[in-house]
Amino acid sequence: MHNYKALKSASKVSVQKVKVVDSPAVEAVAEVKDGDGVITTHSVHAQAERSHEELQVVKKMYSSDTGEAQDDSVRAYSLSDVKREVDQCKSQVTRLEAEQAEWEQLETDLKAL
């Protein structure tokens, strides 16, 4: 995420873990009474709630015209996605350091002339 450290230190971004309910719990029902007191038999099987936890980055948003606060921007992340981004950055750093070393060697050799 671009500029995360600066945004965090300015309290404009935060992280949170949220429980997301995919399917609510359902209680078993064997019979239902209608408005007239008539019992109708229905078979509804109990079902446990299905949910998962989501890791989110919440960013404060403001109107550029008025400075007025707007709805926060919320983006979900997985740890595997973040790790992949970190690994990609590390490989770019390694490549850039090798390229820097090549240029520094050329500079050294040209100065020696």
Foldseek 3Di string as FASTA:
>chain_A
DPPVVVCVVVVFKDKDKDKAWPAAWDDFDQWDQDPVRDIDGDTDHTDHIDIDIWMKMWGWDADPVPRHTDHIDIDTDDVVRVVVVVVVVVVVVVVVVVVVVVVVVVVVVVVVD
